[in-house]
Structures are given as C-alpha cells and as structure tokens.
Amino acid sequence: GAFMKNLDRARELAQVLTQIGADAGVKTSALLTDMSTPLGNKVGNALEVEEAVEVLAGGGPKDVIEITIALATEMLRLSGMPDVDVAPALQDGRAMDKWNQMVKAQHGDPHAELPKAKHEETVVAEESGFLNELDALAVGTASWRLGAGRARKEDPVQFGAGVILHAKRGDRVEKGQPLLTLYTDEADRFGRAKDALVGGIKIESEAKSQPSLILDHIKN
C-alpha cells in the first residue's frame, strides 16, 4: 500500500509502478483501493494475521473478502487464467489447505497460538447516529501507540497489541455501544492511544454515502 492522499496522485504512482514492471518484462497492474478507513475489523500484527486466516477459512469481514478475491483474480488474469472463479476456494477449504502447506514448507506450525495482549480497554459511542467517519490514520496511530509499531528501528514491537473494530464506517450505532477495543501489554499506553482517536471518529444524525472499496484498476 501507498499513502497517497488523493486519487489523482494514487493513479500517477500506479502508472509509474506498472510501467516499471512492464519495462522489466513483468506483467504488472494495480488496484487502487480506499484507505480512508480501516480494512477489515482488526489492526495490529497478530490481530491482522488472525483475520487473514479467518478469511482463508471461509469467514472474515466482507471488505477483506472482496479485496482478497479481487487481488487473486487479477493475479490469475496476469498469469493467463482470466476466467477462474477464486471465491469457491475460500469456502471449500482449498485456500486454507494451501496456507497450511506454505507454513509447513517454512518449518512453521499453522496451528501455533498467536500472541495475546495483556490488557484491553473498550471505546464506546458517545452518542447515537451514523458512524460517518472512522479514520484509518487515527486508528493506525492508536495501534502504533499501543505498541503495534515502532518509532525507531530498535524499538520492540508488541505482537498482540492493536485495535479491534466493533462497528464500520457507515454503520448505525447507539450511545454506549462498543466501537473499538484497544489491546496492549502496557496499560499506561491507553491514554495516548485514545488521544489519537480524537477527531477520527464522527457520529452524525444523517448517513453519508460511502466510497467503493476498489476505486480504479490500472493496467499496462
């Protein structure tokens, strides 16, 4: 992913990158996707792995499923297989079987338990209405402040730290309803993490239209 602030700049970058691939003799394309709100329901190292495995097992959030199918379909198209329907592989176990094979091929245990954070705290809706904004940068910064990322390369990472979303942008929410749960190994991180969310969550009385997940497709 690239953190372009607008679609025109994203298109420019995608065109440059796909042309670099073409010049190197590699079939390359780009899907431009909306990154203004978090993809999926989980943000953080182990949490995102957990959600990815849920999708491979036939579950998971609709938006992650949509982008997974779109990317897999495009990879097959570039490989000369444009008419393959990849969706059934998520439901019939083939995707999960392949995941297990890949992990075992690298001498890993696909059933190993993922790290869990020691502490959690829930953020609730302060009013009823429509969740018209749930900013990805705000949630990402909160996750980083909880320990999921580094400020310097030598900083340790808490693999279980992060955020789980209980509502998505566009959802109707009620006052007191859980919106997010924050996870960390150090409880004193909660304050700064919640500060990062200020201004990134907007609940309004009227629903707003939401953008499509896939905004454009750049081919060379």
C-alpha atoms as a PDB file:
ATOM      1  CA  GLY A   1       0.000   0.000   0.000  1.00  0.00           C
ATOM      2  CA  ALA A   2       0.996   3.615  -0.545  1.00  0.00           C
ATOM      3  CA  PHE A   3      -0.338   6.507   1.481  1.00  0.00           C
ATOM      4  CA  MET A   4      -1.487   8.814  -1.297  1.00  0.00           C
ATOM      5  CA  LYS A   5      -3.890  11.493  -0.066  1.00  0.00           C
ATOM      6  CA  ASN A   6      -5.978  11.711  -3.240  1.00  0.00           C
ATOM      7  CA  LEU A   7      -6.979   9.512  -6.152  1.00  0.00           C
ATOM      8  CA  ASP A   8      -5.130  11.509  -8.826  1.00  0.00           C
ATOM      9  CA  ARG A   9      -1.796  11.123  -7.023  1.00  0.00           C
ATOM     10  CA  ALA A  10      -2.519   7.449  -6.479  1.00  0.00           C
ATOM     11  CA  ARG A  11      -3.164   6.990 -10.206  1.00  0.00           C
ATOM     12  CA  GLU A  12       0.115   8.734 -11.048  1.00  0.00           C
ATOM     13  CA  LEU A  13       2.050   6.434  -8.728  1.00  0.00           C
ATOM     14  CA  ALA A  14       0.244   3.329 -10.001  1.00  0.00           C
ATOM     15  CA  GLN A  15       1.002   4.251 -13.610  1.00  0.00           C
ATOM     16  CA  VAL A  16       4.697   4.726 -12.810  1.00  0.00           C
ATOM     17  CA  LEU A  17       4.913   1.441 -10.909  1.00  0.00           C
ATOM     18  CA  THR A  18       3.076  -0.596 -13.538  1.00  0.00           C
ATOM     19  CA  GLN A  19       5.282   0.913 -16.249  1.00  0.00           C
ATOM     20  CA  ILE A  20       8.406  -0.028 -14.289  1.00  0.00           C
ATOM     21  CA  GLY A  21       7.114  -3.584 -14.179  1.00  0.00           C
ATOM     22  CA  ALA A  22       6.378  -3.577 -17.906  1.00  0.00           C
ATOM     23  CA  ASP A  23       9.838  -2.179 -18.698  1.00  0.00           C
ATOM     24  CA  ALA A  24      11.342  -5.031 -16.669  1.00  0.00           C
ATOM     25  CA  GLY A  25       9.324  -7.576 -18.632  1.00  0.00           C
ATOM     26  CA  VAL A  26       6.934  -8.313 -15.777  1.00  0.00           C
ATOM     27  CA  LYS A  27       3.175  -8.150 -16.268  1.00  0.00           C
ATOM     28  CA  THR A  28       2.047  -5.613 -13.702  1.00  0.00           C
ATOM     29  CA  SER A  29      -1.229  -3.980 -12.713  1.00  0.00           C
ATOM     30  CA  ALA A  30      -2.534  -2.037  -9.735  1.00  0.00           C
ATOM     31  CA  LEU A  31      -5.792  -1.927  -7.829  1.00  0.00           C
ATOM     32  CA  LEU A  32      -6.467   1.461  -6.249  1.00  0.00           C
ATOM     33  CA  THR A  33      -8.409   0.921  -3.042  1.00  0.00           C
ATOM     34  CA  ASP A  34      -9.938   3.196  -0.433  1.00  0.00           C
ATOM     35  CA  MET A  35      -7.628   3.539   2.572  1.00  0.00           C
ATOM     36  CA  SER A  36      -9.503   6.324   4.352  1.00  0.00           C
ATOM     37  CA  THR A  37     -10.993   3.827   6.803  1.00  0.00           C
ATOM     38  CA  PRO A  38      -9.529   0.580   8.172  1.00  0.00           C
ATOM     39  CA  LEU A  39      -9.783  -2.537   6.026  1.00  0.00           C
ATOM     40  CA  GLY A  40     -11.348  -5.361   7.980  1.00  0.00           C
ATOM     41  CA  ASN A  41     -12.041  -5.342  11.703  1.00  0.00           C
ATOM     42  CA  LYS A  42      -8.573  -5.884  13.154  1.00  0.00           C
ATOM     43  CA  VAL A  43      -5.490  -3.649  13.234  1.00  0.00           C
ATOM     44  CA  GLY A  44      -2.189  -4.932  14.603  1.00  0.00           C
ATOM     45  CA  ASN A  45       0.335  -7.678  13.883  1.00  0.00           C
ATOM     46  CA  ALA A  46      -1.176 -10.852  15.354  1.00  0.00           C
ATOM     47  CA  LEU A  47      -4.713  -9.475  15.032  1.00  0.00           C
ATOM     48  CA  GLU A  48      -4.352  -8.974  11.273  1.00  0.00           C
ATOM     49  CA  VAL A  49      -2.814 -12.432  10.820  1.00  0.00           C
ATOM     50  CA  GLU A  50      -5.755 -13.869  12.760  1.00  0.00           C
ATOM     51  CA  GLU A  51      -8.221 -12.091  10.479  1.00  0.00           C
ATOM     52  CA  ALA A  52      -6.392 -13.157   7.318  1.00  0.00           C
ATOM     53  CA  VAL A  53      -6.603 -16.781   8.440  1.00  0.00           C
ATOM     54  CA  GLU A  54     -10.317 -16.313   9.148  1.00  0.00           C
ATOM     55  CA  VAL A  55     -10.796 -15.247   5.521  1.00  0.00           C
ATOM     56  CA  LEU A  56      -8.794 -18.217   4.217  1.00  0.00           C
ATOM     57  CA  ALA A  57     -11.021 -20.458   6.348  1.00  0.00           C
ATOM     58  CA  GLY A  58     -14.164 -19.100   4.699  1.00  0.00           C
ATOM     59  CA  GLY A  59     -15.089 -16.374   7.191  1.00  0.00           C
ATOM     60  CA  GLY A  60     -13.900 -12.864   7.884  1.00  0.00           C
ATOM     61  CA  PRO A  61     -15.199  -9.375   7.061  1.00  0.00           C
ATOM     62  CA  LYS A  62     -16.839  -8.652   3.711  1.00  0.00           C
ATOM     63  CA  ASP A  63     -14.359  -5.935   2.725  1.00  0.00           C
ATOM     64  CA  VAL A  64     -11.321  -8.165   3.295  1.00  0.00           C
ATOM     65  CA  ILE A  65     -13.010 -10.948   1.326  1.00  0.00           C
ATOM     66  CA  GLU A  66     -13.742  -8.525  -1.522  1.00  0.00           C
ATOM     67  CA  ILE A  67     -10.167  -7.286  -1.824  1.00  0.00           C
ATOM     68  CA  THR A  68      -8.743 -10.804  -1.417  1.00  0.00           C
ATOM     69  CA  ILE A  69     -10.866 -12.124  -4.284  1.00  0.00           C
ATOM     70  CA  ALA A  70     -10.059  -9.087  -6.442  1.00  0.00           C
ATOM     71  CA  LEU A  71      -6.302  -9.456  -5.933  1.00  0.00           C
ATOM     72  CA  ALA A  72      -6.312 -13.217  -6.502  1.00  0.00           C
ATOM     73  CA  THR A  73      -8.436 -12.815  -9.631  1.00  0.00           C
ATOM     74  CA  GLU A  74      -6.067 -10.185 -11.015  1.00  0.00           C
ATOM     75  CA  MET A  75      -3.007 -12.342 -10.286  1.00  0.00           C
ATOM     76  CA  LEU A  76      -4.569 -15.199 -12.230  1.00  0.00           C
ATOM     77  CA  ARG A  77      -5.528 -12.869 -15.100  1.00  0.00           C
ATOM     78  CA  LEU A  78      -1.920 -11.715 -15.386  1.00  0.00           C
ATOM     79  CA  SER A  79      -0.887 -15.377 -15.413  1.00  0.00           C
ATOM     80  CA  GLY A  80      -3.107 -16.114 -18.399  1.00  0.00           C
ATOM     81  CA  MET A  81      -6.089 -17.503 -16.489  1.00  0.00           C
ATOM     82  CA  PRO A  82      -8.725 -14.769 -16.792  1.00  0.00           C
ATOM     83  CA  ASP A  83     -11.839 -16.864 -16.235  1.00  0.00           C
ATOM     84  CA  VAL A  84     -11.079 -18.584 -12.920  1.00  0.00           C
ATOM     85  CA  ASP A  85     -13.587 -18.030 -10.097  1.00  0.00           C
ATOM     86  CA  VAL A  86     -11.459 -17.992  -6.950  1.00  0.00           C
ATOM     87  CA  ALA A  87     -14.280 -17.445  -4.442  1.00  0.00           C
ATOM     88  CA  PRO A  88     -15.132 -21.161  -4.008  1.00  0.00           C
ATOM     89  CA  ALA A  89     -11.566 -21.844  -2.826  1.00  0.00           C
ATOM     90  CA  LEU A  90     -12.287 -19.837   0.314  1.00  0.00           C
ATOM     91  CA  GLN A  91     -15.401 -21.881   1.072  1.00  0.00           C
ATOM     92  CA  ASP A  92     -14.322 -25.414   0.187  1.00  0.00           C
ATOM     93  CA  GLY A  93     -11.072 -25.468   2.167  1.00  0.00           C
ATOM     94  CA  ARG A  94      -8.563 -25.228  -0.689  1.00  0.00           C
ATOM     95  CA  ALA A  95      -7.308 -21.790   0.366  1.00  0.00           C
ATOM     96  CA  MET A  96      -6.813 -22.939   3.950  1.00  0.00           C
ATOM     97  CA  ASP A  97      -5.072 -26.120   2.817  1.00  0.00           C
ATOM     98  CA  LYS A  98      -2.637 -24.060   0.743  1.00  0.00           C
ATOM     99  CA  TRP A  99      -1.960 -21.757   3.700  1.00  0.00           C
ATOM    100  CA  ASN A 100      -1.145 -24.763   5.891  1.00  0.00           C
ATOM    101  CA  GLN A 101       1.176 -26.142   3.202  1.00  0.00           C
ATOM    102  CA  MET A 102       3.011 -22.821   2.894  1.00  0.00           C
ATOM    103  CA  VAL A 103       3.527 -22.506   6.654  1.00  0.00           C
ATOM    104  CA  LYS A 104       4.752 -26.103   6.961  1.00  0.00           C
ATOM    105  CA  ALA A 105       7.111 -25.633   3.992  1.00  0.00           C
ATOM    106  CA  GLN A 106       8.845 -22.952   6.063  1.00  0.00           C
ATOM    107  CA  HIS A 107       9.010 -25.288   9.083  1.00  0.00           C
ATOM    108  CA  GLY A 108       6.235 -23.422  10.894  1.00  0.00           C
ATOM    109  CA  ASP A 109       3.228 -24.667  12.813  1.00  0.00           C
ATOM    110  CA  PRO A 110      -0.009 -23.429  11.203  1.00  0.00           C
ATOM    111  CA  HIS A 111      -1.834 -24.177  14.454  1.00  0.00           C
ATOM    112  CA  ALA A 112       0.557 -22.216  16.682  1.00  0.00           C
ATOM    113  CA  GLU A 113      -1.157 -19.836  19.081  1.00  0.00           C
ATOM    114  CA  LEU A 114      -0.824 -16.161  18.204  1.00  0.00           C
ATOM    115  CA  PRO A 115       0.358 -13.637  20.828  1.00  0.00           C
ATOM    116  CA  LYS A 116      -2.336 -12.067  23.002  1.00  0.00           C
ATOM    117  CA  ALA A 117      -2.093  -8.665  24.697  1.00  0.00           C
ATOM    118  CA  LYS A 118      -2.260  -8.482  28.495  1.00  0.00           C
ATOM    119  CA  HIS A 119      -4.661  -5.546  28.749  1.00  0.00           C
ATOM    120  CA  GLU A 120      -7.724  -4.317  26.877  1.00  0.00           C
ATOM    121  CA  GLU A 121      -9.976  -1.270  27.013  1.00  0.00           C
ATOM    122  CA  THR A 122     -13.151  -0.524  25.070  1.00  0.00           C
ATOM    123  CA  VAL A 123     -14.087   2.789  23.439  1.00  0.00           C
ATOM    124  CA  VAL A 124     -17.854   3.349  23.215  1.00  0.00           C
ATOM    125  CA  ALA A 125     -20.056   5.629  21.124  1.00  0.00           C
ATOM    126  CA  GLU A 126     -20.661   8.949  22.879  1.00  0.00           C
ATOM    127  CA  GLU A 127     -23.958   9.454  21.039  1.00  0.00           C
ATOM    128  CA  SER A 128     -26.394   7.670  18.747  1.00  0.00           C
ATOM    129  CA  GLY A 129     -26.275   8.167  14.993  1.00  0.00           C
ATOM    130  CA  PHE A 130     -24.344   7.107  11.928  1.00  0.00           C
ATOM    131  CA  LEU A 131     -20.622   6.413  12.100  1.00  0.00           C
ATOM    132  CA  ASN A 132     -19.780   8.616   9.125  1.00  0.00           C
ATOM    133  CA  GLU A 133     -16.064   8.749   9.810  1.00  0.00           C
ATOM    134  CA  LEU A 134     -13.676   6.163  11.201  1.00  0.00           C
ATOM    135  CA  ASP A 135     -10.307   7.432  10.071  1.00  0.00           C
ATOM    136  CA  ALA A 136      -7.671   4.857   9.158  1.00  0.00           C
ATOM    137  CA  LEU A 137      -4.759   7.112  10.118  1.00  0.00           C
ATOM    138  CA  ALA A 138      -6.255   7.779  13.552  1.00  0.00           C
ATOM    139  CA  VAL A 139      -6.846   4.077  14.187  1.00  0.00           C
ATOM    140  CA  GLY A 140      -3.389   3.209  12.848  1.00  0.00           C
ATOM    141  CA  THR A 141      -1.749   5.800  15.089  1.00  0.00           C
ATOM    142  CA  ALA A 142      -3.668   4.462  18.080  1.00  0.00           C
ATOM    143  CA  SER A 143      -2.481   0.948  17.246  1.00  0.00           C
ATOM    144  CA  TRP A 144       1.108   2.182  16.973  1.00  0.00           C
ATOM    145  CA  ARG A 145       0.861   3.946  20.320  1.00  0.00           C
ATOM    146  CA  LEU A 146      -0.443   0.732  21.861  1.00  0.00           C
ATOM    147  CA  GLY A 147       2.826  -0.925  20.848  1.00  0.00           C
ATOM    148  CA  ALA A 148       1.997  -2.497  17.478  1.00  0.00           C
ATOM    149  CA  GLY A 149       4.603  -0.420  15.617  1.00  0.00           C
ATOM    150  CA  ARG A 150       8.000   1.204  16.071  1.00  0.00           C
ATOM    151  CA  ALA A 151       9.058   4.838  16.367  1.00  0.00           C
ATOM    152  CA  ARG A 152      12.697   3.756  15.847  1.00  0.00           C
ATOM    153  CA  LYS A 153      14.045   0.605  14.255  1.00  0.00           C
ATOM    154  CA  GLU A 154      15.453  -0.609  17.567  1.00  0.00           C
ATOM    155  CA  ASP A 155      12.124  -0.283  19.407  1.00  0.00           C
ATOM    156  CA  PRO A 156      10.405  -3.533  20.456  1.00  0.00           C
ATOM    157  CA  VAL A 157       7.054  -4.492  18.953  1.00  0.00           C
ATOM    158  CA  GLN A 158       4.140  -5.907  20.933  1.00  0.00           C
ATOM    159  CA  PHE A 159       2.785  -8.507  18.550  1.00  0.00           C
ATOM    160  CA  GLY A 160      -0.548  -8.786  20.364  1.00  0.00           C
ATOM    161  CA  ALA A 161      -1.167  -5.034  20.514  1.00  0.00           C
ATOM    162  CA  GLY A 162      -3.696  -3.305  18.290  1.00  0.00           C
ATOM    163  CA  VAL A 163      -7.350  -2.458  17.778  1.00  0.00           C
ATOM    164  CA  ILE A 164     -10.488  -4.469  17.042  1.00  0.00           C
ATOM    165  CA  LEU A 165     -13.386  -2.607  15.430  1.00  0.00           C
ATOM    166  CA  HIS A 166     -16.933  -3.412  16.526  1.00  0.00           C
ATOM    167  CA  ALA A 167     -18.541  -1.028  14.029  1.00  0.00           C
ATOM    168  CA  LYS A 168     -17.622   0.001  10.499  1.00  0.00           C
ATOM    169  CA  ARG A 169     -17.880   3.351   8.779  1.00  0.00           C
ATOM    170  CA  GLY A 170     -21.469   3.902   7.668  1.00  0.00           C
ATOM    171  CA  ASP A 171     -22.990   1.767  10.433  1.00  0.00           C
ATOM    172  CA  ARG A 172     -25.799   2.961  12.659  1.00  0.00           C
ATOM    173  CA  VAL A 173     -24.577   3.000  16.282  1.00  0.00           C
ATOM    174  CA  GLU A 174     -26.237   3.692  19.619  1.00  0.00           C
ATOM    175  CA  LYS A 175     -24.894   5.687  22.554  1.00  0.00           C
ATOM    176  CA  GLY A 176     -22.796   3.443  24.791  1.00  0.00           C
ATOM    177  CA  GLN A 177     -22.295   0.823  22.074  1.00  0.00           C
ATOM    178  CA  PRO A 178     -18.723  -0.526  21.831  1.00  0.00           C
ATOM    179  CA  LEU A 179     -16.899   0.945  18.823  1.00  0.00           C
ATOM    180  CA  LEU A 180     -13.360  -0.315  19.335  1.00  0.00           C
ATOM    181  CA  THR A 181     -11.370  -2.424  21.761  1.00  0.00           C
ATOM    182  CA  LEU A 182      -7.741  -1.442  22.359  1.00  0.00           C
ATOM    183  CA  TYR A 183      -5.104  -4.064  23.214  1.00  0.00           C
ATOM    184  CA  THR A 184      -1.641  -3.612  24.732  1.00  0.00           C
ATOM    185  CA  ASP A 185       0.801  -5.186  27.157  1.00  0.00           C
ATOM    186  CA  GLU A 186       1.253  -1.855  28.969  1.00  0.00           C
ATOM    187  CA  ALA A 187      -1.915  -0.279  30.360  1.00  0.00           C
ATOM    188  CA  ASP A 188      -0.335   3.183  30.561  1.00  0.00           C
ATOM    189  CA  ARG A 189      -0.440   3.313  26.743  1.00  0.00           C
ATOM    190  CA  PHE A 190      -4.248   3.554  26.616  1.00  0.00           C
ATOM    191  CA  GLY A 191      -4.387   7.304  27.244  1.00  0.00           C
ATOM    192  CA  ARG A 192      -2.214   8.337  24.292  1.00  0.00           C
ATOM    193  CA  ALA A 193      -3.892   5.765  22.069  1.00  0.00           C
ATOM    194  CA  LYS A 194      -7.320   7.240  22.826  1.00  0.00           C
ATOM    195  CA  ASP A 195      -5.930  10.733  22.202  1.00  0.00           C
ATOM    196  CA  ALA A 196      -5.043   9.601  18.667  1.00  0.00           C
ATOM    197  CA  LEU A 197      -8.690   8.760  18.028  1.00  0.00           C
ATOM    198  CA  VAL A 198      -9.922  12.285  18.818  1.00  0.00           C
ATOM    199  CA  GLY A 199     -11.268  13.761  15.588  1.00  0.00           C
ATOM    200  CA  GLY A 200     -11.032  10.439  13.786  1.00  0.00           C
ATOM    201  CA  ILE A 201     -14.465   9.222  14.877  1.00  0.00           C
ATOM    202  CA  LYS A 202     -17.534  11.179  13.789  1.00  0.00           C
ATOM    203  CA  ILE A 203     -21.101  10.170  14.610  1.00  0.00           C
ATOM    204  CA  GLU A 204     -23.779  12.230  12.874  1.00  0.00           C
ATOM    205  CA  SER A 205     -27.564  12.206  12.667  1.00  0.00           C
ATOM    206  CA  GLU A 206     -27.669  11.715   8.892  1.00  0.00           C
ATOM    207  CA  ALA A 207     -25.984   8.904   6.980  1.00  0.00           C
ATOM    208  CA  LYS A 208     -23.427   9.823   4.324  1.00  0.00           C
ATOM    209  CA  SER A 209     -22.672   7.882   1.161  1.00  0.00           C
ATOM    210  CA  GLN A 210     -19.525   5.788   1.412  1.00  0.00           C
ATOM    211  CA  PRO A 211     -16.945   5.266  -1.360  1.00  0.00           C
ATOM    212  CA  SER A 212     -16.427   1.954  -3.097  1.00  0.00           C
ATOM    213  CA  LEU A 213     -13.589  -0.197  -1.807  1.00  0.00           C
ATOM    214  CA  ILE A 214     -11.943  -0.586  -5.222  1.00  0.00           C
ATOM    215  CA  LEU A 215     -11.659   2.832  -6.854  1.00  0.00           C
ATOM    216  CA  ASP A 216      -9.711   2.074 -10.030  1.00  0.00           C
ATOM    217  CA  HIS A 217      -7.733  -0.577 -11.874  1.00  0.00           C
ATOM    218  CA  ILE A 218      -4.507   0.408 -13.656  1.00  0.00           C
ATOM    219  CA  LYS A 219      -3.237  -1.944 -16.351  1.00  0.00           C
ATOM    220  CA  ASN A 220      -0.185  -1.641 -18.577  1.00  0.00           C
END
